[in-house]
Structure formats: C-alpha cells, structure tokens
Amino acid sequence: MHPDASARQFAERDLAAFLLNALQHEHPEWVQADGDCPSCRDYAAKLQTILPQQSPT
C-alpha cells in the first residue's frame, strides 16, 4: 500500500469520527437511549460523499 493511501485512510476515519461526534453534539435529540445515532451516521455518510475525492499519487 502506498504511504499516502494509508495516511488517507487514517484521515478518512478521523473525519468520520469527527463528523459523528459533531452531529451528536449539535443534535442530541437524534441520539437514542443506547447511544446509537442512525441520523448522525446517515448525515456523516452523506457529507463524506460530497467532499472532494482524490487518488493518492
């Protein structure tokens, strides 16, 4: 695996975690009693699809 690809995978995981955390903080009413937040996951997934996609060079 290209070193940039590995760094990108870590960055994408960090971004996903950041988005989920931010959405849960902004919309606590979306968080279920067990801590799950389907709406947060859906929004985070949508946001990731609209962010620029770049291939490692």
N, C-alpha and C. Protein backbone atom coordinates (compact mmCIF):
# COMPACT_ATOMS: atom_id res chain seq x y z
N MET A 1 0.85 -1.18 0.00
CA MET A 1 0.00 0.00 0.00
C MET A 1 0.89 1.24 0.00
N HIS A 2 0.53 2.20 -0.79
CA HIS A 2 1.25 3.46 -0.88
C HIS A 2 1.13 4.19 0.46
N PRO A 3 2.21 4.80 0.96
CA PRO A 3 2.14 5.50 2.25
C PRO A 3 1.05 6.57 2.30
N ASP A 4 0.84 7.28 1.19
CA ASP A 4 -0.20 8.30 1.16
C ASP A 4 -1.58 7.68 1.31
N ALA A 5 -1.77 6.48 0.77
CA ALA A 5 -3.06 5.80 0.88
C ALA A 5 -3.34 5.45 2.33
N SER A 6 -2.33 5.00 3.06
CA SER A 6 -2.50 4.67 4.47
C SER A 6 -2.86 5.92 5.27
N ALA A 7 -2.17 7.01 5.02
CA ALA A 7 -2.45 8.28 5.70
C ALA A 7 -3.86 8.75 5.38
N ARG A 8 -4.25 8.56 4.13
CA ARG A 8 -5.60 8.97 3.73
C ARG A 8 -6.66 8.16 4.45
N GLN A 9 -6.43 6.85 4.60
CA GLN A 9 -7.39 6.01 5.32
C GLN A 9 -7.54 6.47 6.76
N PHE A 10 -6.42 6.80 7.41
CA PHE A 10 -6.49 7.30 8.78
C PHE A 10 -7.25 8.62 8.82
N ALA A 11 -6.98 9.51 7.86
CA ALA A 11 -7.65 10.80 7.82
C ALA A 11 -9.15 10.63 7.60
N GLU A 12 -9.53 9.70 6.75
CA GLU A 12 -10.95 9.47 6.50
C GLU A 12 -11.65 8.93 7.74
N ARG A 13 -10.97 8.04 8.48
CA ARG A 13 -11.56 7.53 9.72
C ARG A 13 -11.68 8.65 10.75
N ASP A 14 -10.65 9.49 10.84
CA ASP A 14 -10.70 10.63 11.77
C ASP A 14 -11.83 11.58 11.39
N LEU A 15 -11.99 11.84 10.10
CA LEU A 15 -13.05 12.72 9.64
C LEU A 15 -14.42 12.14 9.98
N ALA A 16 -14.60 10.85 9.74
CA ALA A 16 -15.88 10.21 10.04
C ALA A 16 -16.19 10.32 11.53
N ALA A 17 -15.20 10.07 12.37
CA ALA A 17 -15.41 10.16 13.82
C ALA A 17 -15.72 11.60 14.23
N PHE A 18 -15.01 12.56 13.62
CA PHE A 18 -15.27 13.97 13.92
C PHE A 18 -16.69 14.35 13.54
N LEU A 19 -17.12 13.95 12.34
CA LEU A 19 -18.46 14.29 11.87
C LEU A 19 -19.54 13.69 12.79
N LEU A 20 -19.37 12.42 13.15
CA LEU A 20 -20.34 11.78 14.04
C LEU A 20 -20.40 12.50 15.37
N ASN A 21 -19.25 12.82 15.94
CA ASN A 21 -19.21 13.50 17.22
C ASN A 21 -19.87 14.87 17.13
N ALA A 22 -19.56 15.62 16.08
CA ALA A 22 -20.13 16.96 15.92
C ALA A 22 -21.64 16.90 15.76
N LEU A 23 -22.12 15.95 14.98
CA LEU A 23 -23.57 15.83 14.77
C LEU A 23 -24.27 15.42 16.06
N GLN A 24 -23.67 14.52 16.83
CA GLN A 24 -24.27 14.11 18.10
C GLN A 24 -24.31 15.29 19.06
N HIS A 25 -23.28 16.10 19.04
CA HIS A 25 -23.23 17.28 19.92
C HIS A 25 -24.28 18.32 19.51
N GLU A 26 -24.41 18.54 18.21
CA GLU A 26 -25.35 19.55 17.70
C GLU A 26 -26.80 19.09 17.78
N HIS A 27 -27.02 17.78 17.72
CA HIS A 27 -28.38 17.24 17.69
C HIS A 27 -28.54 16.11 18.70
N PRO A 28 -28.48 16.43 19.99
CA PRO A 28 -28.61 15.37 21.00
C PRO A 28 -29.96 14.66 20.92
N GLU A 29 -30.95 15.31 20.35
CA GLU A 29 -32.28 14.68 20.22
C GLU A 29 -32.26 13.52 19.23
N TRP A 30 -31.25 13.44 18.40
CA TRP A 30 -31.13 12.34 17.44
C TRP A 30 -30.52 11.09 18.06
N VAL A 31 -29.85 11.26 19.21
CA VAL A 31 -29.15 10.16 19.85
C VAL A 31 -30.15 9.32 20.65
N GLN A 32 -30.15 8.02 20.36
CA GLN A 32 -31.05 7.10 21.04
C GLN A 32 -30.54 6.80 22.45
N ALA A 33 -31.39 6.22 23.27
CA ALA A 33 -31.04 5.92 24.66
C ALA A 33 -29.80 5.05 24.77
N ASP A 34 -29.58 4.17 23.80
CA ASP A 34 -28.41 3.29 23.85
C ASP A 34 -27.14 3.94 23.28
N GLY A 35 -27.24 5.23 22.90
CA GLY A 35 -26.09 5.95 22.37
C GLY A 35 -25.96 5.89 20.86
N ASP A 36 -26.77 5.05 20.22
CA ASP A 36 -26.73 4.94 18.77
C ASP A 36 -27.37 6.17 18.15
N CYS A 37 -26.90 6.54 16.97
CA CYS A 37 -27.44 7.72 16.29
C CYS A 37 -27.51 7.46 14.79
N PRO A 38 -28.54 6.75 14.33
CA PRO A 38 -28.67 6.47 12.90
C PRO A 38 -28.70 7.73 12.04
N SER A 39 -29.37 8.77 12.50
CA SER A 39 -29.42 10.01 11.71
C SER A 39 -28.04 10.63 11.58
N CYS A 40 -27.26 10.56 12.66
CA CYS A 40 -25.89 11.09 12.62
C CYS A 40 -25.05 10.31 11.61
N ARG A 41 -25.17 8.99 11.63
CA ARG A 41 -24.41 8.17 10.68
C ARG A 41 -24.81 8.49 9.25
N ASP A 42 -26.11 8.65 9.01
CA ASP A 42 -26.59 8.97 7.66
C ASP A 42 -26.04 10.31 7.18
N TYR A 43 -26.12 11.34 8.03
CA TYR A 43 -25.60 12.65 7.65
C TYR A 43 -24.10 12.61 7.43
N ALA A 44 -23.36 11.93 8.30
CA ALA A 44 -21.91 11.84 8.15
C ALA A 44 -21.55 11.15 6.83
N ALA A 45 -22.28 10.09 6.49
CA ALA A 45 -22.02 9.38 5.24
C ALA A 45 -22.29 10.30 4.04
N LYS A 46 -23.38 11.07 4.10
CA LYS A 46 -23.69 11.99 3.01
C LYS A 46 -22.61 13.06 2.88
N LEU A 47 -22.15 13.59 4.01
CA LEU A 47 -21.11 14.62 3.96
C LEU A 47 -19.83 14.08 3.35
N GLN A 48 -19.49 12.85 3.68
CA GLN A 48 -18.26 12.28 3.13
C GLN A 48 -18.36 12.08 1.62
N THR A 49 -19.55 11.83 1.11
CA THR A 49 -19.69 11.63 -0.34
C THR A 49 -19.56 12.93 -1.11
N ILE A 50 -19.83 14.08 -0.47
CA ILE A 50 -19.73 15.35 -1.19
C ILE A 50 -18.35 16.00 -1.04
N LEU A 51 -17.52 15.47 -0.14
CA LEU A 51 -16.17 16.01 -0.01
C LEU A 51 -15.34 15.56 -1.21
N PRO A 52 -14.37 16.39 -1.59
CA PRO A 52 -13.55 16.03 -2.76
C PRO A 52 -12.86 14.69 -2.57
N GLN A 53 -12.93 13.88 -3.59
CA GLN A 53 -12.27 12.57 -3.58
C GLN A 53 -10.99 12.71 -4.40
N GLN A 54 -9.87 12.32 -3.80
CA GLN A 54 -8.59 12.39 -4.51
C GLN A 54 -7.91 11.03 -4.42
N SER A 55 -7.26 10.66 -5.50
CA SER A 55 -6.48 9.42 -5.52
C SER A 55 -5.06 9.73 -5.10
N PRO A 56 -4.44 8.81 -4.33
CA PRO A 56 -3.04 9.04 -3.97
C PRO A 56 -2.17 9.00 -5.23
N THR A 57 -1.17 9.85 -5.26
CA THR A 57 -0.28 9.90 -6.44
C THR A 57 1.01 9.19 -6.15
